[in-house]
Each structure stands twice: as structure tokens, then as C-alpha cells.
């Protein structure tokens, strides 16, 4: 299984970025796809997740600013991040997990840095 994340970078506060995660080697339809992040000195935290059928959940800290989506034909999940804040600075990780939690996979992470 491979989860290849891309799209991170250095932006200014208020800017936007779109992260992508291409999945291979797994039955994409069976997995919830999502994003987590780890800021310097902090624990990893959930950002958002989306099921095959489009059910979505977000962390309160990103609601209204971030949008998660998936292209089931291409096995790709996206994270559109708008109105970025310095506190969004973190390494963002793509993850795939089954709804019962028996399987979970992680991508390699992509750095997002938001300057004030």
C-alpha cells in the first residue's frame, strides 16, 4: 500500500493550498480517507475524513476553511485549505483506514508552513 501526498509548501496567512494524496495497493472503496497533521511540539491531530459515499467529518479548528474530497475513479483524496493561518503550520499526513479500524495506513507527510 502506498499513500503519496503532495501539494505542501510555504504560503502567507490568508492564502490557499490544495493537498493531494494518491492511493495504490488497496481497495479504495473499502477505506475512509483522511488527513491528520502534526505541528511542532504537538501531538498528531485529526483534520478531516471522507467515506467512499461522501460522508465527511472535520476537526472544529478547520471547519469552514478546509474542504476534503475524493475522486474514487482516480483513487485520490484532496484537502483544499483556504484562509490559512500560522497555526495551520504542520506536517500533513494522508491516511486510509477501514470503518472498524482494523486496518490503517499512513503516507509520508507533506510540510505546510504558513507565515504571518
C-alpha atoms as a PDB file:
ATOM      1  CA  UNK A   1       0.000   0.000   0.000  1.00  0.00           C
ATOM      2  CA  UNK A   2       1.247   3.466  -0.902  1.00  0.00           C
ATOM      3  CA  UNK A   3      -0.210   6.820   0.000  1.00  0.00           C
ATOM      4  CA  UNK A   4       1.669   9.534  -1.855  1.00  0.00           C
ATOM      5  CA  UNK A   5       0.922  13.013  -0.538  1.00  0.00           C
ATOM      6  CA  UNK A   6       1.845  16.203  -2.343  1.00  0.00           C
ATOM      7  CA  UNK A   7       0.995  19.878  -2.525  1.00  0.00           C
ATOM      8  CA  UNK A   8       2.536  21.299   0.620  1.00  0.00           C
ATOM      9  CA  UNK A   9       4.561  24.463   0.668  1.00  0.00           C
ATOM     10  CA  UNK A  10       5.251  27.848   2.194  1.00  0.00           C
ATOM     11  CA  UNK A  11       2.429  30.386   1.994  1.00  0.00           C
ATOM     12  CA  UNK A  12       1.307  33.544   3.741  1.00  0.00           C
ATOM     13  CA  UNK A  13      -1.598  33.826   6.120  1.00  0.00           C
ATOM     14  CA  UNK A  14      -4.852  34.032   4.197  1.00  0.00           C
ATOM     15  CA  UNK A  15      -3.542  32.055   1.235  1.00  0.00           C
ATOM     16  CA  UNK A  16      -4.783  28.698  -0.026  1.00  0.00           C
ATOM     17  CA  UNK A  17      -3.193  25.344  -0.738  1.00  0.00           C
ATOM     18  CA  UNK A  18      -4.511  22.065  -2.054  1.00  0.00           C
ATOM     19  CA  UNK A  19      -3.036  18.804  -0.859  1.00  0.00           C
ATOM     20  CA  UNK A  20      -3.421  15.602  -2.845  1.00  0.00           C
ATOM     21  CA  UNK A  21      -2.940  12.004  -1.830  1.00  0.00           C
ATOM     22  CA  UNK A  22      -2.785   9.240  -4.399  1.00  0.00           C
ATOM     23  CA  UNK A  23      -3.526   5.768  -3.045  1.00  0.00           C
ATOM     24  CA  UNK A  24      -2.406   2.499  -4.549  1.00  0.00           C
ATOM     25  CA  UNK A  25      -2.335  -1.122  -3.498  1.00  0.00           C
ATOM     26  CA  UNK A  26      -5.585  -1.072  -1.558  1.00  0.00           C
ATOM     27  CA  UNK A  27      -9.285  -1.468  -2.268  1.00  0.00           C
ATOM     28  CA  UNK A  28     -10.027   2.242  -2.246  1.00  0.00           C
ATOM     29  CA  UNK A  29     -13.776   1.795  -1.852  1.00  0.00           C
ATOM     30  CA  UNK A  30     -13.315  -0.014   1.460  1.00  0.00           C
ATOM     31  CA  UNK A  31     -11.363   2.774   3.138  1.00  0.00           C
ATOM     32  CA  UNK A  32     -12.150   6.020   4.786  1.00  0.00           C
ATOM     33  CA  UNK A  33      -9.606   8.554   3.521  1.00  0.00           C
ATOM     34  CA  UNK A  34      -8.430  11.438   5.582  1.00  0.00           C
ATOM     35  CA  UNK A  35      -5.817  13.878   6.723  1.00  0.00           C
ATOM     36  CA  UNK A  36      -4.014  14.342  10.000  1.00  0.00           C
ATOM     37  CA  UNK A  37      -1.392  16.879  10.975  1.00  0.00           C
ATOM     38  CA  UNK A  38       1.395  17.256  13.478  1.00  0.00           C
ATOM     39  CA  UNK A  39       2.560  20.709  14.442  1.00  0.00           C
ATOM     40  CA  UNK A  40       5.980  21.255  16.031  1.00  0.00           C
ATOM     41  CA  UNK A  41       5.902  20.143  19.643  1.00  0.00           C
ATOM     42  CA  UNK A  42       2.322  18.889  19.449  1.00  0.00           C
ATOM     43  CA  UNK A  43       0.531  15.599  19.127  1.00  0.00           C
ATOM     44  CA  UNK A  44      -0.775  14.437  15.793  1.00  0.00           C
ATOM     45  CA  UNK A  45      -4.378  15.551  15.313  1.00  0.00           C
ATOM     46  CA  UNK A  46      -7.244  14.662  13.031  1.00  0.00           C
ATOM     47  CA  UNK A  47      -8.054  17.215  10.321  1.00  0.00           C
ATOM     48  CA  UNK A  48     -10.769  15.630   8.210  1.00  0.00           C
ATOM     49  CA  UNK A  49     -12.039  12.355   6.788  1.00  0.00           C
ATOM     50  CA  UNK A  50     -14.313  11.228   3.961  1.00  0.00           C
ATOM     51  CA  UNK A  51     -16.003   7.917   3.284  1.00  0.00           C
ATOM     52  CA  UNK A  52     -16.480   6.262  -0.104  1.00  0.00           C
ATOM     53  CA  UNK A  53     -20.056   7.552  -0.227  1.00  0.00           C
ATOM     54  CA  UNK A  54     -19.052  11.098   0.675  1.00  0.00           C
ATOM     55  CA  UNK A  55     -19.695  11.241   4.401  1.00  0.00           C
ATOM     56  CA  UNK A  56     -17.396  13.916   5.823  1.00  0.00           C
ATOM     57  CA  UNK A  57     -16.090  14.897   9.216  1.00  0.00           C
ATOM     58  CA  UNK A  58     -13.795  17.801  10.153  1.00  0.00           C
ATOM     59  CA  UNK A  59     -11.917  18.975  13.157  1.00  0.00           C
ATOM     60  CA  UNK A  60     -13.546  22.066  14.636  1.00  0.00           C
ATOM     61  CA  UNK A  61     -10.375  24.063  14.042  1.00  0.00           C
ATOM     62  CA  UNK A  62     -10.675  23.754  10.256  1.00  0.00           C
ATOM     63  CA  UNK A  63     -14.446  23.776   9.705  1.00  0.00           C
ATOM     64  CA  UNK A  64     -15.445  26.413   7.182  1.00  0.00           C
ATOM     65  CA  UNK A  65     -11.887  26.788   5.869  1.00  0.00           C
ATOM     66  CA  UNK A  66     -10.850  23.303   4.724  1.00  0.00           C
ATOM     67  CA  UNK A  67     -12.690  21.041   2.298  1.00  0.00           C
ATOM     68  CA  UNK A  68     -11.948  17.360   1.851  1.00  0.00           C
ATOM     69  CA  UNK A  69     -12.959  15.477  -1.278  1.00  0.00           C
ATOM     70  CA  UNK A  70     -12.112  12.256  -3.044  1.00  0.00           C
ATOM     71  CA  UNK A  71     -12.051  11.061  -6.621  1.00  0.00           C
ATOM     72  CA  UNK A  72     -12.997   7.396  -6.424  1.00  0.00           C
ATOM     73  CA  UNK A  73     -12.175   6.809 -10.106  1.00  0.00           C
ATOM     74  CA  UNK A  74      -8.599   8.021  -9.601  1.00  0.00           C
ATOM     75  CA  UNK A  75      -8.035   6.794  -6.033  1.00  0.00           C
ATOM     76  CA  UNK A  76      -7.131  10.292  -4.884  1.00  0.00           C
ATOM     77  CA  UNK A  77      -8.169  12.329  -1.864  1.00  0.00           C
ATOM     78  CA  UNK A  78      -7.784  16.096  -1.685  1.00  0.00           C
ATOM     79  CA  UNK A  79      -7.639  18.690   1.036  1.00  0.00           C
ATOM     80  CA  UNK A  80      -8.443  22.214  -0.092  1.00  0.00           C
ATOM     81  CA  UNK A  81      -7.179  24.611   2.544  1.00  0.00           C
ATOM     82  CA  UNK A  82      -8.372  28.214   2.416  1.00  0.00           C
ATOM     83  CA  UNK A  83      -7.792  31.157   4.720  1.00  0.00           C
ATOM     84  CA  UNK A  84      -4.690  29.530   6.086  1.00  0.00           C
ATOM     85  CA  UNK A  85      -3.420  30.640   9.484  1.00  0.00           C
ATOM     86  CA  UNK A  86       0.036  30.358  11.056  1.00  0.00           C
ATOM     87  CA  UNK A  87      -1.405  27.777  13.460  1.00  0.00           C
ATOM     88  CA  UNK A  88      -2.109  25.525  10.470  1.00  0.00           C
ATOM     89  CA  UNK A  89       1.649  25.060  10.096  1.00  0.00           C
ATOM     90  CA  UNK A  90       2.329  21.341  10.389  1.00  0.00           C
ATOM     91  CA  UNK A  91       3.308  18.204   8.578  1.00  0.00           C
ATOM     92  CA  UNK A  92       0.141  16.879   6.973  1.00  0.00           C
ATOM     93  CA  UNK A  93      -0.326  13.139   6.660  1.00  0.00           C
ATOM     94  CA  UNK A  94      -2.699  11.274   4.439  1.00  0.00           C
ATOM     95  CA  UNK A  95      -4.267   8.190   5.993  1.00  0.00           C
ATOM     96  CA  UNK A  96      -6.546   5.371   4.949  1.00  0.00           C
ATOM     97  CA  UNK A  97      -8.491   3.303   7.441  1.00  0.00           C
ATOM     98  CA  UNK A  98     -11.338   0.864   7.495  1.00  0.00           C
ATOM     99  CA  UNK A  99     -14.512   1.916   9.260  1.00  0.00           C
ATOM    100  CA  UNK A 100     -13.991  -0.665  12.001  1.00  0.00           C
ATOM    101  CA  UNK A 101     -10.378   0.382  12.458  1.00  0.00           C
ATOM    102  CA  UNK A 102      -8.794  -2.969  11.778  1.00  0.00           C
ATOM    103  CA  UNK A 103      -6.571  -1.568   9.011  1.00  0.00           C
ATOM    104  CA  UNK A 104      -4.826   1.780   8.827  1.00  0.00           C
ATOM    105  CA  UNK A 105      -2.153   3.119   6.502  1.00  0.00           C
ATOM    106  CA  UNK A 106      -0.152   6.340   6.519  1.00  0.00           C
ATOM    107  CA  UNK A 107       1.503   8.427   3.847  1.00  0.00           C
ATOM    108  CA  UNK A 108       4.882  10.081   4.178  1.00  0.00           C
ATOM    109  CA  UNK A 109       3.684  13.570   5.085  1.00  0.00           C
ATOM    110  CA  UNK A 110       3.936  16.920   3.368  1.00  0.00           C
ATOM    111  CA  UNK A 111       5.029  20.142   5.077  1.00  0.00           C
ATOM    112  CA  UNK A 112       2.696  23.117   5.173  1.00  0.00           C
ATOM    113  CA  UNK A 113       4.159  26.357   6.534  1.00  0.00           C
ATOM    114  CA  UNK A 114       2.024  29.467   6.931  1.00  0.00           C
ATOM    115  CA  UNK A 115       3.849  32.703   7.647  1.00  0.00           C
ATOM    116  CA  UNK A 116       2.184  35.638   9.366  1.00  0.00           C
END
